[in-house]
């Protein structure tokens, strides 16, 4: 999809801004590796956490909206298979392209990347650190639609309508991981917050669940969303909850050495997820744009965000290897960002676009 074509006009501008802002914020936070040794930047790592969670919540909202439409038309095995194929053709080619390059350079085979289990193999995850989010997303694409399909298969026609079958599955994804984390903490489970808790797949599905729930509210109770109170409530809530969770995060999380506690495992995640919900609520009120150059920029970043996300950190690590002082840190940071956009745009226009076009031709 060319952002400068007529299809640009049909995109939801507010949601494009959310996605683009998330990607740009991740780039800014990860740029800290170039100069972090010279400035006290650790407290600002929180905003990288928020940016990633915003990607998850937005994914839940968008995928949930698609699945709600599918549910209304009848959730059959064929429809489920088509959904998976469309998702996989959208996400896997670019992912495996990056994986292939990494394996060729390292001359090693990483089995966990093929099954999206690298989050549980730290030494392999270290070869492609940002892929932990892809792993969580892919397991979500596999499990939630399957759960919804099974709910339709066994409970369709009963007292549960399509509306409440989806809601039930959604609540399982929100409360199941939260309760599991609480049980683990109660039994003395411990480890590094970032690796053991934040990047564990099945106990973090609630971060996507909030987006799924928002999709349900948007479809069945849109009058709650599209009013002035909700618009400005989302705006105020976004900043108020950001301030609160930032304070809690910086007082309960040591991303490198600290252990787990109820604040960083049971309060930070839901709090940040609510920040994301408020941001999406606010963004939903801005379907159209007023500043076309800005809209083109944000939409272009949004469209290419997946490729940019996949390649940026590997390129950052490469250029970081040349840094020996602060001045070089700033210089190589600028070079790394420029190269990231060049490579990301190229991969979007080639790998991503090719398979999206094939998908649209093969799967109706």
Protein backbone atom coordinates (compact mmCIF):
# COMPACT_ATOMS: atom_id res chain seq x y z
CA UNK A 1 0.00 0.00 0.00
CA UNK A 2 1.56 3.26 -1.11
CA UNK A 3 0.84 5.98 1.46
CA UNK A 4 0.75 8.55 -1.31
CA UNK A 5 -1.96 6.73 -3.26
CA UNK A 6 -5.70 7.17 -2.87
CA UNK A 7 -5.72 4.35 -0.31
CA UNK A 8 -3.89 6.72 2.02
CA UNK A 9 -7.14 8.61 2.37
CA UNK A 10 -8.96 5.53 3.72
CA UNK A 11 -6.63 4.80 6.62
CA UNK A 12 -7.47 5.60 10.22
CA UNK A 13 -5.12 8.47 10.93
CA UNK A 14 -5.32 8.27 14.73
CA UNK A 15 -4.33 4.61 14.82
CA UNK A 16 -1.51 5.25 12.35
CA UNK A 17 -0.21 7.92 14.72
CA UNK A 18 -0.34 5.44 17.61
CA UNK A 19 1.65 2.84 15.68
CA UNK A 20 4.15 5.35 14.30
CA UNK A 21 4.63 6.97 17.70
CA UNK A 22 5.29 3.58 19.27
CA UNK A 23 7.95 2.76 16.70
CA UNK A 24 9.64 6.16 16.99
CA UNK A 25 9.64 5.95 20.78
CA UNK A 26 11.25 2.50 20.63
CA UNK A 27 13.94 3.87 18.32
CA UNK A 28 14.63 6.78 20.69
CA UNK A 29 14.92 4.50 23.72
CA UNK A 30 17.13 2.00 21.93
CA UNK A 31 19.34 4.85 20.72
CA UNK A 32 20.34 5.21 24.37
CA UNK A 33 22.81 2.35 23.92
CA UNK A 34 25.08 4.75 22.01
CA UNK A 35 25.34 7.39 24.77
CA UNK A 36 23.85 5.71 27.84
CA UNK A 37 27.28 5.34 29.42
CA UNK A 38 27.62 9.13 29.54
CA UNK A 39 24.16 10.14 30.80
CA UNK A 40 21.78 8.91 33.56
CA UNK A 41 19.18 7.55 31.14
CA UNK A 42 18.06 4.40 32.97
CA UNK A 43 14.80 5.92 34.37
CA UNK A 44 13.66 6.62 30.82
CA UNK A 45 13.74 2.94 29.84
CA UNK A 46 10.15 2.96 31.10
CA UNK A 47 9.07 4.64 27.88
CA UNK A 48 10.46 1.76 25.87
CA UNK A 49 8.27 -0.55 27.95
CA UNK A 50 5.23 1.64 27.22
CA UNK A 51 6.00 1.74 23.49
CA UNK A 52 6.16 -2.04 23.21
CA UNK A 53 3.01 -2.51 25.29
CA UNK A 54 1.26 -0.01 23.01
CA UNK A 55 2.15 -2.17 20.02
CA UNK A 56 0.63 -5.16 21.81
CA UNK A 57 -2.55 -3.34 22.80
CA UNK A 58 -3.00 -1.93 19.30
CA UNK A 59 -2.47 -5.40 17.84
CA UNK A 60 -5.15 -6.78 20.17
CA UNK A 61 -7.54 -4.02 19.14
CA UNK A 62 -7.01 -4.49 15.39
CA UNK A 63 -6.98 -8.30 15.40
CA UNK A 64 -9.93 -8.33 17.79
CA UNK A 65 -11.89 -6.10 15.42
CA UNK A 66 -11.21 -8.53 12.57
CA UNK A 67 -12.18 -11.57 14.63
CA UNK A 68 -15.41 -9.90 15.76
CA UNK A 69 -16.41 -9.41 12.13
CA UNK A 70 -15.51 -13.02 11.36
CA UNK A 71 -17.55 -14.20 14.34
CA UNK A 72 -20.64 -12.43 13.07
CA UNK A 73 -20.34 -14.20 9.70
CA UNK A 74 -19.70 -17.66 11.16
CA UNK A 75 -16.44 -18.95 12.58
CA UNK A 76 -15.71 -22.15 10.64
CA UNK A 77 -12.53 -24.19 10.34
CA UNK A 78 -11.97 -22.83 6.84
CA UNK A 79 -12.29 -19.24 8.07
CA UNK A 80 -9.85 -19.97 10.92
CA UNK A 81 -7.31 -21.41 8.48
CA UNK A 82 -7.69 -18.43 6.17
CA UNK A 83 -7.14 -16.06 9.09
CA UNK A 84 -3.93 -17.85 10.07
CA UNK A 85 -2.63 -17.89 6.51
CA UNK A 86 -3.30 -14.17 6.08
CA UNK A 87 -1.56 -13.36 9.37
CA UNK A 88 1.43 -15.57 8.63
CA UNK A 89 1.89 -14.19 5.12
CA UNK A 90 1.85 -10.72 6.65
CA UNK A 91 4.34 -11.31 9.46
CA UNK A 92 6.54 -14.34 8.78
CA UNK A 93 8.37 -13.51 5.51
CA UNK A 94 10.09 -10.37 6.83
CA UNK A 95 10.79 -12.08 10.16
CA UNK A 96 12.41 -15.13 8.57
CA UNK A 97 14.32 -12.89 6.18
CA UNK A 98 16.03 -11.20 9.14
CA UNK A 99 16.53 -14.56 10.88
CA UNK A 100 18.20 -15.97 7.76
CA UNK A 101 20.62 -13.04 7.57
CA UNK A 102 21.51 -13.42 11.26
CA UNK A 103 22.13 -17.17 10.88
CA UNK A 104 24.30 -16.65 7.79
CA UNK A 105 26.40 -14.02 9.53
CA UNK A 106 26.76 -16.07 12.74
CA UNK A 107 27.01 -19.38 10.84
CA UNK A 108 24.81 -21.01 13.45
CA UNK A 109 21.31 -22.47 13.40
CA UNK A 110 18.88 -21.26 16.07
CA UNK A 111 16.03 -23.77 16.36
CA UNK A 112 14.01 -21.69 18.83
CA UNK A 113 13.39 -18.93 16.28
CA UNK A 114 11.54 -21.36 14.02
CA UNK A 115 8.98 -22.17 16.74
CA UNK A 116 8.94 -18.74 18.42
CA UNK A 117 10.34 -20.11 21.67
CA UNK A 118 13.44 -17.94 21.84
CA UNK A 119 12.03 -16.10 24.86
CA UNK A 120 12.84 -19.23 26.87
CA UNK A 121 16.34 -19.68 25.43
CA UNK A 122 18.21 -16.55 26.56
CA UNK A 123 21.47 -17.28 24.74
CA UNK A 124 19.59 -17.56 21.44
CA UNK A 125 17.30 -14.60 22.12
CA UNK A 126 20.45 -12.50 22.60
CA UNK A 127 21.18 -12.98 18.88
CA UNK A 128 17.94 -11.18 17.94
CA UNK A 129 16.75 -9.39 21.11
CA UNK A 130 13.67 -7.59 19.78
CA UNK A 131 12.21 -10.84 18.43
CA UNK A 132 10.71 -11.60 21.84
CA UNK A 133 7.73 -9.42 20.90
CA UNK A 134 7.25 -11.29 17.61
CA UNK A 135 7.25 -14.55 19.54
CA UNK A 136 4.50 -13.34 21.85
CA UNK A 137 2.47 -11.97 18.93
CA UNK A 138 2.70 -15.17 16.90
CA UNK A 139 1.55 -17.31 19.81
CA UNK A 140 -1.34 -14.90 20.26
CA UNK A 141 -2.25 -15.22 16.57
CA UNK A 142 -2.28 -18.99 16.99
CA UNK A 143 -4.03 -19.41 20.33
CA UNK A 144 -6.68 -16.72 20.62
CA UNK A 145 -8.43 -17.38 17.28
CA UNK A 146 -8.27 -21.13 18.09
CA UNK A 147 -9.86 -20.50 21.49
CA UNK A 148 -12.56 -18.39 19.86
CA UNK A 149 -13.16 -21.05 17.21
CA UNK A 150 -13.54 -23.75 19.88
CA UNK A 151 -15.92 -21.52 21.83
CA UNK A 152 -18.07 -21.15 18.73
CA UNK A 153 -17.89 -24.86 17.97
CA UNK A 154 -19.00 -26.02 21.41
CA UNK A 155 -21.20 -23.18 22.62
CA UNK A 156 -22.68 -21.64 19.48
CA UNK A 157 -26.46 -21.90 19.56
CA UNK A 158 -26.53 -22.05 23.35
CA UNK A 159 -27.47 -19.17 25.62
CA UNK A 160 -24.10 -17.59 24.79
CA UNK A 161 -24.36 -15.26 21.81
CA UNK A 162 -21.44 -14.45 19.51
CA UNK A 163 -21.05 -11.22 21.42
CA UNK A 164 -20.47 -12.92 24.75
CA UNK A 165 -18.42 -15.82 23.39
CA UNK A 166 -15.82 -13.30 22.27
CA UNK A 167 -16.03 -11.41 25.56
CA UNK A 168 -15.52 -14.62 27.54
CA UNK A 169 -12.40 -15.50 25.54
CA UNK A 170 -11.16 -11.96 25.93
CA UNK A 171 -11.54 -12.05 29.73
CA UNK A 172 -9.65 -15.36 29.83
CA UNK A 173 -6.74 -13.62 28.13
CA UNK A 174 -6.85 -10.73 30.59
CA UNK A 175 -7.35 -12.49 33.91
CA UNK A 176 -5.69 -15.84 33.16
CA UNK A 177 -2.14 -14.44 32.84
CA UNK A 178 -2.67 -12.03 35.76
CA UNK A 179 -3.82 -14.82 38.07
CA UNK A 180 -0.97 -17.05 36.87
CA UNK A 181 1.58 -14.36 37.69
CA UNK A 182 0.03 -13.92 41.14
CA UNK A 183 0.20 -17.68 41.81
CA UNK A 184 3.82 -17.83 40.64
CA UNK A 185 4.80 -14.97 42.93
CA UNK A 186 2.92 -16.55 45.82
CA UNK A 187 4.94 -19.74 45.33
CA UNK A 188 8.24 -17.88 45.43
CA UNK A 189 8.88 -17.67 41.70
CA UNK A 190 11.76 -15.27 41.02
CA UNK A 191 14.17 -14.14 38.33
CA UNK A 192 15.11 -11.11 36.27
CA UNK A 193 12.05 -8.91 35.70
CA UNK A 194 12.80 -8.25 32.04
CA UNK A 195 13.69 -11.80 31.01
CA UNK A 196 11.67 -13.95 33.40
CA UNK A 197 8.43 -11.97 33.65
CA UNK A 198 8.20 -9.33 30.92
CA UNK A 199 9.25 -11.62 28.08
CA UNK A 200 7.46 -14.80 29.11
CA UNK A 201 4.90 -15.60 26.46
CA UNK A 202 1.83 -17.14 28.04
CA UNK A 203 1.81 -15.08 31.25
CA UNK A 204 1.86 -11.84 29.26
CA UNK A 205 -1.13 -12.36 26.97
CA UNK A 206 -3.10 -9.90 29.11
CA UNK A 207 -1.19 -7.04 27.51
CA UNK A 208 -2.94 -7.96 24.22
CA UNK A 209 -6.16 -8.82 26.06
CA UNK A 210 -6.77 -5.17 26.92
CA UNK A 211 -6.75 -4.34 23.21
CA UNK A 212 -9.12 -7.25 22.55
CA UNK A 213 -11.52 -5.91 25.16
CA UNK A 214 -11.36 -2.42 23.69
CA UNK A 215 -12.26 -3.89 20.27
CA UNK A 216 -15.36 -5.48 21.84
CA UNK A 217 -16.39 -2.19 23.46
CA UNK A 218 -15.75 -0.36 20.19
CA UNK A 219 -18.02 -2.74 18.26
CA UNK A 220 -20.90 -3.15 20.68
CA UNK A 221 -20.80 0.01 22.77
CA UNK A 222 -19.28 2.61 20.48
CA UNK A 223 -21.47 5.29 22.07
CA UNK A 224 -19.24 4.94 25.14
CA UNK A 225 -16.18 5.70 23.03
CA UNK A 226 -17.27 8.42 20.67
CA UNK A 227 -18.24 11.15 23.07
CA UNK A 228 -16.39 14.16 24.41
CA UNK A 229 -16.04 12.75 27.92
CA UNK A 230 -14.29 9.61 26.70
CA UNK A 231 -12.08 11.54 24.30
CA UNK A 232 -10.67 13.89 26.93
CA UNK A 233 -10.86 11.24 29.63
CA UNK A 234 -8.54 9.12 27.50
CA UNK A 235 -6.21 12.07 27.03
CA UNK A 236 -6.04 12.92 30.73
CA UNK A 237 -5.91 9.28 31.79
CA UNK A 238 -3.02 8.61 29.44
CA UNK A 239 -0.82 11.24 31.08
CA UNK A 240 -1.99 10.65 34.65
CA UNK A 241 -1.43 6.90 34.45
CA UNK A 242 1.90 7.43 32.70
CA UNK A 243 3.12 9.55 35.61
CA UNK A 244 1.87 7.00 38.16
CA UNK A 245 3.27 3.91 36.44
CA UNK A 246 6.57 5.66 35.70
CA UNK A 247 6.97 6.29 39.42
CA UNK A 248 6.03 2.71 40.31
CA UNK A 249 8.32 1.32 37.61
CA UNK A 250 11.33 3.30 38.74
CA UNK A 251 10.74 2.25 42.35
CA UNK A 252 10.09 -1.45 41.75
CA UNK A 253 11.99 -2.50 38.62
CA UNK A 254 15.68 -3.12 38.16
CA UNK A 255 15.70 -4.25 34.56
CA UNK A 256 19.19 -5.75 34.76
CA UNK A 257 19.55 -7.31 38.22
CA UNK A 258 16.39 -6.90 40.31
CA UNK A 259 13.98 -9.68 41.19
CA UNK A 260 10.21 -9.94 41.00
CA UNK A 261 7.66 -8.40 43.35
CA UNK A 262 3.96 -7.67 43.29
CA UNK A 263 4.48 -4.07 42.14
CA UNK A 264 6.51 -4.87 39.05
CA UNK A 265 4.58 -8.04 38.16
CA UNK A 266 0.98 -7.25 39.12
CA UNK A 267 0.76 -3.45 39.10
CA UNK A 268 3.15 -2.14 36.43
CA UNK A 269 1.78 -4.27 33.58
CA UNK A 270 -1.95 -3.52 34.09
CA UNK A 271 -1.11 0.12 34.74
CA UNK A 272 0.86 0.46 31.52
CA UNK A 273 -1.84 -1.45 29.63
CA UNK A 274 -4.39 1.10 30.81
CA UNK A 275 -2.09 3.86 29.55
CA UNK A 276 -2.22 2.15 26.16
CA UNK A 277 -6.01 1.79 26.26
CA UNK A 278 -6.36 5.51 27.03
CA UNK A 279 -4.02 6.37 24.15
CA UNK A 280 -6.01 4.26 21.69
CA UNK A 281 -9.31 5.66 23.00
CA UNK A 282 -8.06 9.17 22.36
CA UNK A 283 -6.67 8.24 18.94
CA UNK A 284 -9.98 6.72 17.80
CA UNK A 285 -11.46 10.23 17.75
CA UNK A 286 -9.07 11.29 14.98
CA UNK A 287 -9.97 9.24 11.94
CA UNK A 288 -9.15 12.12 9.59
CA UNK A 289 -6.14 14.43 9.47
CA UNK A 290 -5.67 18.17 9.12
CA UNK A 291 -1.98 18.45 8.28
CA UNK A 292 -1.34 16.37 5.16
CA UNK A 293 2.50 16.45 5.21
CA UNK A 294 2.50 15.33 8.85
CA UNK A 295 -0.15 12.71 8.08
CA UNK A 296 1.92 11.36 5.18
CA UNK A 297 4.99 11.14 7.40
CA UNK A 298 3.21 9.37 10.27
CA UNK A 299 1.34 7.03 7.92
CA UNK A 300 4.53 6.13 6.09
CA UNK A 301 6.23 5.31 9.40
CA UNK A 302 3.16 3.31 10.44
CA UNK A 303 3.11 1.28 7.21
CA UNK A 304 6.82 0.46 7.43
CA UNK A 305 6.93 0.09 11.24
CA UNK A 306 7.16 -3.71 11.18
CA UNK A 307 10.23 -3.82 8.97
CA UNK A 308 11.81 -0.90 10.82
CA UNK A 309 11.24 -2.69 14.10
CA UNK A 310 12.74 -5.95 12.87
CA UNK A 311 15.99 -4.45 11.57
CA UNK A 312 16.72 -1.49 13.83
CA UNK A 313 18.33 -3.10 16.86
CA UNK A 314 20.62 -5.41 14.88
CA UNK A 315 21.89 -2.37 12.97
CA UNK A 316 22.25 -0.39 16.20
CA UNK A 317 24.38 -3.16 17.71
CA UNK A 318 26.55 -3.27 14.60
CA UNK A 319 27.32 0.45 14.64
CA UNK A 320 27.72 0.44 18.42
CA UNK A 321 30.76 -1.79 17.96
CA UNK A 322 32.62 1.20 16.46
CA UNK A 323 31.92 3.57 19.35
CA UNK A 324 34.81 4.39 21.70
CA UNK A 325 33.78 7.83 23.07
CA UNK A 326 30.75 10.10 23.45
CA UNK A 327 31.30 12.06 20.24
CA UNK A 328 31.45 8.84 18.24
CA UNK A 329 28.36 7.66 20.08
CA UNK A 330 26.31 10.57 18.73
CA UNK A 331 27.80 10.23 15.26
CA UNK A 332 27.19 6.50 14.92
CA UNK A 333 23.72 6.93 16.42
CA UNK A 334 22.81 9.26 13.55
CA UNK A 335 24.31 6.89 10.99
CA UNK A 336 22.51 3.90 12.50
CA UNK A 337 19.14 5.67 12.40
CA UNK A 338 19.59 6.71 8.77
CA UNK A 339 20.64 3.22 7.70
CA UNK A 340 17.75 1.72 9.69
CA UNK A 341 15.21 3.76 7.77
CA UNK A 342 16.84 2.92 4.45
CA UNK A 343 16.93 -0.83 5.15
CA UNK A 344 13.47 -0.84 6.76
CA UNK A 345 11.85 0.96 3.84
CA UNK A 346 13.60 -1.34 1.37
CA UNK A 347 12.42 -4.49 3.15
CA UNK A 348 8.88 -3.14 3.35
CA UNK A 349 8.77 -2.34 -0.35
CA UNK A 350 10.22 -5.71 -1.37
CA UNK A 351 9.66 -8.59 1.06
CA UNK A 352 6.58 -7.30 2.89
CA UNK A 353 4.87 -5.86 -0.15
CA UNK A 354 5.50 -8.94 -2.31
CA UNK A 355 3.90 -11.35 0.14
CA UNK A 356 1.03 -9.01 0.98
CA UNK A 357 0.17 -8.79 -2.72
CA UNK A 358 0.39 -12.58 -3.05
CA UNK A 359 -1.78 -13.01 0.02
CA UNK A 360 -4.45 -10.69 -1.33
CA UNK A 361 -4.44 -12.58 -4.62
CA UNK A 362 -4.52 -16.08 -3.11
CA UNK A 363 -6.81 -15.64 -0.11
CA UNK A 364 -10.12 -13.90 -0.58
